[in-house]
């Protein structure tokens, strides 16, 4: 009896440890597919970022669509996309929507735009 259990266990372990390369990769921070909506005005920035990210992580695919800012937020609220790149924060109505779903959206400031008038001797 012991002589048949050990080979069966080894057989099971051997075949259970394989990887099925025909299956799509699971969604992780560096692999899988993610839909992103971006404000049309930020297309050059998002194109460069997406290309760099996919170049570094070959199992990651970013599906980027460019729309008006209001359409990006509508897609986020409808769960059509997981990430948006926009020029404004969530408004109170949008924050309330996520609170009602018991979700806490993560926002990250990427850049701040400013204009300065610096006169000689006054800066």
Protein backbone atom coordinates (compact mmCIF):
# COMPACT_ATOMS: atom_id res chain seq x y z
CA UNK A 1 0.00 0.00 0.00
CA UNK A 2 2.81 2.43 0.92
CA UNK A 3 4.55 1.64 -2.34
CA UNK A 4 1.59 2.94 -4.39
CA UNK A 5 0.81 6.05 -2.30
CA UNK A 6 4.25 7.65 -2.69
CA UNK A 7 4.32 7.45 -6.52
CA UNK A 8 0.73 8.75 -6.69
CA UNK A 9 1.62 11.70 -4.43
CA UNK A 10 4.69 12.51 -6.51
CA UNK A 11 2.64 12.26 -9.70
CA UNK A 12 0.01 14.64 -8.25
CA UNK A 13 2.59 17.16 -7.04
CA UNK A 14 4.45 17.10 -10.34
CA UNK A 15 1.37 17.88 -12.45
CA UNK A 16 -0.21 20.35 -10.03
CA UNK A 17 2.81 22.67 -10.11
CA UNK A 18 2.69 23.39 -13.84
CA UNK A 19 1.75 26.72 -15.37
CA UNK A 20 -0.83 26.95 -18.11
CA UNK A 21 0.65 29.53 -20.48
CA UNK A 22 -2.52 29.52 -22.60
CA UNK A 23 -4.53 31.20 -19.83
CA UNK A 24 -4.50 35.00 -19.60
CA UNK A 25 -2.34 36.45 -16.87
CA UNK A 26 -4.11 37.40 -13.70
CA UNK A 27 -4.48 41.06 -12.88
CA UNK A 28 -1.66 42.19 -10.63
CA UNK A 29 0.09 45.56 -10.38
CA UNK A 30 2.49 44.47 -13.15
CA UNK A 31 0.44 42.07 -15.29
CA UNK A 32 -3.01 41.70 -16.79
CA UNK A 33 -5.33 44.06 -18.63
CA UNK A 34 -6.71 47.34 -17.30
CA UNK A 35 -8.96 49.92 -18.91
CA UNK A 36 -7.95 53.53 -18.40
CA UNK A 37 -9.83 56.68 -19.43
CA UNK A 38 -7.86 59.87 -19.87
CA UNK A 39 -8.76 63.47 -20.44
CA UNK A 40 -8.10 64.35 -24.09
CA UNK A 41 -5.83 67.23 -23.08
CA UNK A 42 -3.50 64.79 -21.27
CA UNK A 43 -3.07 62.39 -24.20
CA UNK A 44 0.68 63.03 -24.77
CA UNK A 45 1.46 62.49 -21.08
CA UNK A 46 -0.67 59.35 -20.79
CA UNK A 47 0.67 57.87 -24.05
CA UNK A 48 4.26 58.23 -22.84
CA UNK A 49 3.42 56.81 -19.41
CA UNK A 50 1.50 53.84 -20.80
CA UNK A 51 4.22 53.01 -23.34
CA UNK A 52 6.90 53.13 -20.66
CA UNK A 53 4.89 50.99 -18.25
CA UNK A 54 4.10 48.34 -20.87
CA UNK A 55 7.75 48.37 -21.94
CA UNK A 56 8.86 47.60 -18.40
CA UNK A 57 6.13 45.04 -17.70
CA UNK A 58 5.62 42.91 -20.79
CA UNK A 59 2.64 41.02 -19.30
CA UNK A 60 0.73 44.25 -18.67
CA UNK A 61 -1.68 45.72 -21.20
CA UNK A 62 -3.15 49.19 -20.71
CA UNK A 63 -6.22 49.88 -22.83
CA UNK A 64 -6.37 53.69 -22.92
CA UNK A 65 -9.27 55.72 -24.28
CA UNK A 66 -9.31 59.50 -24.49
CA UNK A 67 -12.51 61.37 -23.72
CA UNK A 68 -13.79 64.56 -22.21
CA UNK A 69 -13.16 64.87 -18.48
CA UNK A 70 -16.86 64.47 -17.65
CA UNK A 71 -17.01 61.26 -19.72
CA UNK A 72 -13.96 59.91 -17.85
CA UNK A 73 -15.67 60.46 -14.49
CA UNK A 74 -18.91 58.93 -15.82
CA UNK A 75 -16.97 55.81 -16.88
CA UNK A 76 -15.39 55.60 -13.43
CA UNK A 77 -18.77 55.85 -11.70
CA UNK A 78 -20.27 53.24 -14.06
CA UNK A 79 -17.33 50.89 -13.37
CA UNK A 80 -16.38 50.89 -17.06
CA UNK A 81 -12.78 51.77 -16.19
CA UNK A 82 -10.62 51.21 -13.12
CA UNK A 83 -8.36 54.25 -13.52
CA UNK A 84 -8.83 57.76 -14.89
CA UNK A 85 -6.37 60.56 -15.50
CA UNK A 86 -8.07 63.92 -15.06
CA UNK A 87 -7.24 67.51 -14.18
CA UNK A 88 -9.57 67.75 -11.17
CA UNK A 89 -10.39 65.88 -7.98
CA UNK A 90 -13.66 64.10 -7.24
CA UNK A 91 -16.48 66.46 -6.35
CA UNK A 92 -18.67 65.90 -3.29
CA UNK A 93 -21.37 64.08 -5.28
CA UNK A 94 -18.81 61.63 -6.67
CA UNK A 95 -17.23 61.12 -3.24
CA UNK A 96 -20.68 60.38 -1.78
CA UNK A 97 -21.29 57.80 -4.51
CA UNK A 98 -18.13 55.90 -3.57
CA UNK A 99 -18.94 56.15 0.14
CA UNK A 100 -22.36 54.62 -0.54
CA UNK A 101 -20.58 51.66 -2.19
CA UNK A 102 -18.15 51.46 0.75
CA UNK A 103 -15.23 52.23 -1.58
CA UNK A 104 -12.40 54.64 -0.94
CA UNK A 105 -10.95 55.96 -4.22
CA UNK A 106 -7.22 56.61 -4.24
CA UNK A 107 -6.18 59.88 -5.81
CA UNK A 108 -2.64 60.92 -6.62
CA UNK A 109 -1.46 64.36 -7.65
CA UNK A 110 0.89 63.99 -10.59
CA UNK A 111 1.63 67.63 -11.37
CA UNK A 112 0.62 71.16 -10.45
CA UNK A 113 0.35 73.90 -13.02
CA UNK A 114 1.41 77.42 -12.12
CA UNK A 115 2.25 80.72 -13.67
CA UNK A 116 4.65 83.16 -12.06
CA UNK A 117 5.60 86.68 -12.92
CA UNK A 118 9.12 87.09 -11.65
CA UNK A 119 10.59 90.53 -12.05
CA UNK A 120 14.31 91.11 -11.56
CA UNK A 121 15.13 91.91 -7.94
CA UNK A 122 11.66 90.89 -6.65
CA UNK A 123 11.98 87.08 -6.73
